[in-house]
């Protein structure tokens, strides 16, 4: 026979397991908005993260996060190019201030990309924090 104390412990354990599973599922499907410090930490921890810069080629040429890939948000084929990306890879998406990249993040979520990070404040926040910019 199960005691009330044992039943309460089992209930708590089940609740924690369920909450943990929900949190894990959410983190896999919902893009994370991260600040510059967290972005830098992620990039140092995982060299496979793709930095997706959605600014214009002119903005990109003026300064970018090292190793970034440029895909112009205003390009007529932008949605087609975005859909062609590998949905199983991890992306850190940014623009100048965060508006275009927030829209891109939402498009990526709709297209079921597995792992998306959005740099809040964009490259402007990156530069203001004194982080390195490639030219």
Protein backbone atom coordinates (compact mmCIF):
# COMPACT_ATOMS: atom_id res chain seq x y z
CA UNK A 1 0.00 0.00 0.00
CA UNK A 2 1.32 3.47 -0.90
CA UNK A 3 1.42 6.02 1.89
CA UNK A 4 0.19 9.56 1.42
CA UNK A 5 3.73 10.83 1.97
CA UNK A 6 5.05 8.51 -0.78
CA UNK A 7 2.19 9.53 -3.10
CA UNK A 8 2.96 13.21 -2.51
CA UNK A 9 6.64 12.61 -3.33
CA UNK A 10 5.72 10.78 -6.52
CA UNK A 11 3.34 13.58 -7.52
CA UNK A 12 6.05 16.20 -6.99
CA UNK A 13 8.55 14.18 -9.00
CA UNK A 14 6.07 13.74 -11.85
CA UNK A 15 5.30 17.46 -11.84
CA UNK A 16 9.01 18.35 -11.96
CA UNK A 17 9.60 15.89 -14.80
CA UNK A 18 6.66 17.33 -16.76
CA UNK A 19 7.82 20.92 -16.17
CA UNK A 20 11.37 20.01 -17.23
CA UNK A 21 10.12 18.36 -20.41
CA UNK A 22 8.03 21.44 -21.24
CA UNK A 23 10.99 23.73 -20.62
CA UNK A 24 13.25 21.60 -22.83
CA UNK A 25 10.64 21.49 -25.61
CA UNK A 26 10.20 25.27 -25.40
CA UNK A 27 13.91 25.94 -25.60
CA UNK A 28 14.16 23.86 -28.75
CA UNK A 29 11.26 25.53 -30.57
CA UNK A 30 11.31 29.12 -29.33
CA UNK A 31 14.10 31.42 -30.42
CA UNK A 32 16.08 32.91 -27.58
CA UNK A 33 16.61 36.66 -27.45
CA UNK A 34 20.10 37.12 -26.08
CA UNK A 35 22.31 40.05 -25.22
CA UNK A 36 25.85 40.69 -26.42
CA UNK A 37 27.50 38.97 -23.46
CA UNK A 38 25.48 35.79 -23.97
CA UNK A 39 26.06 35.89 -27.74
CA UNK A 40 29.81 36.14 -27.26
CA UNK A 41 29.75 33.28 -24.75
CA UNK A 42 27.77 31.09 -27.17
CA UNK A 43 30.10 31.83 -30.07
CA UNK A 44 33.15 30.94 -27.98
CA UNK A 45 31.51 27.74 -26.72
CA UNK A 46 30.30 26.46 -30.09
CA UNK A 47 32.25 27.15 -33.29
CA UNK A 48 29.46 25.54 -35.33
CA UNK A 49 26.97 28.35 -34.66
CA UNK A 50 26.22 30.24 -37.86
CA UNK A 51 26.11 34.00 -37.46
CA UNK A 52 23.45 35.15 -39.90
CA UNK A 53 23.75 38.87 -40.63
CA UNK A 54 20.62 40.11 -42.45
CA UNK A 55 21.88 43.62 -43.23
CA UNK A 56 22.61 44.99 -46.69
CA UNK A 57 25.94 44.09 -48.33
CA UNK A 58 27.11 47.70 -47.77
CA UNK A 59 26.34 47.51 -44.04
CA UNK A 60 28.02 44.10 -43.86
CA UNK A 61 31.18 45.42 -45.59
CA UNK A 62 31.40 48.29 -43.09
CA UNK A 63 31.79 45.87 -40.16
CA UNK A 64 30.55 42.48 -39.03
CA UNK A 65 30.93 39.77 -36.42
CA UNK A 66 33.84 37.57 -37.52
CA UNK A 67 32.73 34.61 -39.61
CA UNK A 68 29.24 35.99 -40.23
CA UNK A 69 27.26 35.02 -43.32
CA UNK A 70 25.44 37.86 -45.07
CA UNK A 71 21.92 37.48 -46.41
CA UNK A 72 20.23 40.78 -47.29
CA UNK A 73 16.77 41.00 -45.71
CA UNK A 74 15.70 43.37 -48.51
CA UNK A 75 16.75 40.98 -51.29
CA UNK A 76 13.79 39.85 -53.45
CA UNK A 77 14.87 36.21 -52.93
CA UNK A 78 15.42 36.52 -49.17
CA UNK A 79 12.59 34.16 -48.14
CA UNK A 80 13.68 31.60 -50.71
CA UNK A 81 17.30 31.77 -49.51
CA UNK A 82 16.19 31.53 -45.89
CA UNK A 83 14.10 28.44 -46.65
CA UNK A 84 17.14 26.81 -48.28
CA UNK A 85 19.22 26.99 -45.08
CA UNK A 86 19.79 23.84 -43.02
CA UNK A 87 17.04 23.85 -40.38
CA UNK A 88 19.01 21.53 -38.09
CA UNK A 89 21.92 23.94 -37.56
CA UNK A 90 22.16 26.61 -34.86
CA UNK A 91 21.90 30.26 -35.93
CA UNK A 92 22.65 33.57 -34.25
CA UNK A 93 20.70 36.09 -36.30
CA UNK A 94 21.24 39.85 -36.19
CA UNK A 95 20.99 43.08 -38.17
CA UNK A 96 21.89 46.66 -37.32
CA UNK A 97 19.53 47.21 -34.39
CA UNK A 98 17.28 44.15 -34.18
CA UNK A 99 14.22 44.96 -36.29
CA UNK A 100 15.05 43.02 -39.47
CA UNK A 101 16.57 40.17 -37.49
CA UNK A 102 13.45 39.93 -35.27
CA UNK A 103 11.36 39.52 -38.41
CA UNK A 104 13.87 36.95 -39.70
CA UNK A 105 13.74 35.10 -36.37
CA UNK A 106 9.96 34.86 -36.71
CA UNK A 107 10.24 33.57 -40.27
CA UNK A 108 12.74 30.96 -39.11
CA UNK A 109 10.45 29.88 -36.29
CA UNK A 110 7.55 29.51 -38.76
CA UNK A 111 9.79 27.39 -41.00
CA UNK A 112 10.65 25.12 -38.05
CA UNK A 113 14.35 25.91 -37.64
CA UNK A 114 15.56 23.90 -34.65
CA UNK A 115 17.86 26.36 -32.87
CA UNK A 116 17.74 30.14 -33.25
CA UNK A 117 19.31 32.88 -31.16
CA UNK A 118 18.45 36.52 -31.78
CA UNK A 119 21.01 39.19 -30.86
CA UNK A 120 19.08 41.97 -29.17
CA UNK A 121 20.26 45.38 -30.31
CA UNK A 122 22.08 43.93 -33.32
CA UNK A 123 25.57 44.89 -34.41
CA UNK A 124 25.11 48.34 -32.83
CA UNK A 125 24.83 46.74 -29.39
CA UNK A 126 27.81 44.50 -30.24
CA UNK A 127 29.96 47.51 -31.15
CA UNK A 128 28.77 49.60 -28.18
CA UNK A 129 29.87 46.76 -25.90
CA UNK A 130 33.36 47.01 -27.41
CA UNK A 131 33.25 43.58 -29.08
CA UNK A 132 35.49 42.91 -32.08
CA UNK A 133 34.24 43.81 -35.56
CA UNK A 134 35.74 42.36 -38.74
CA UNK A 135 36.11 44.60 -41.79
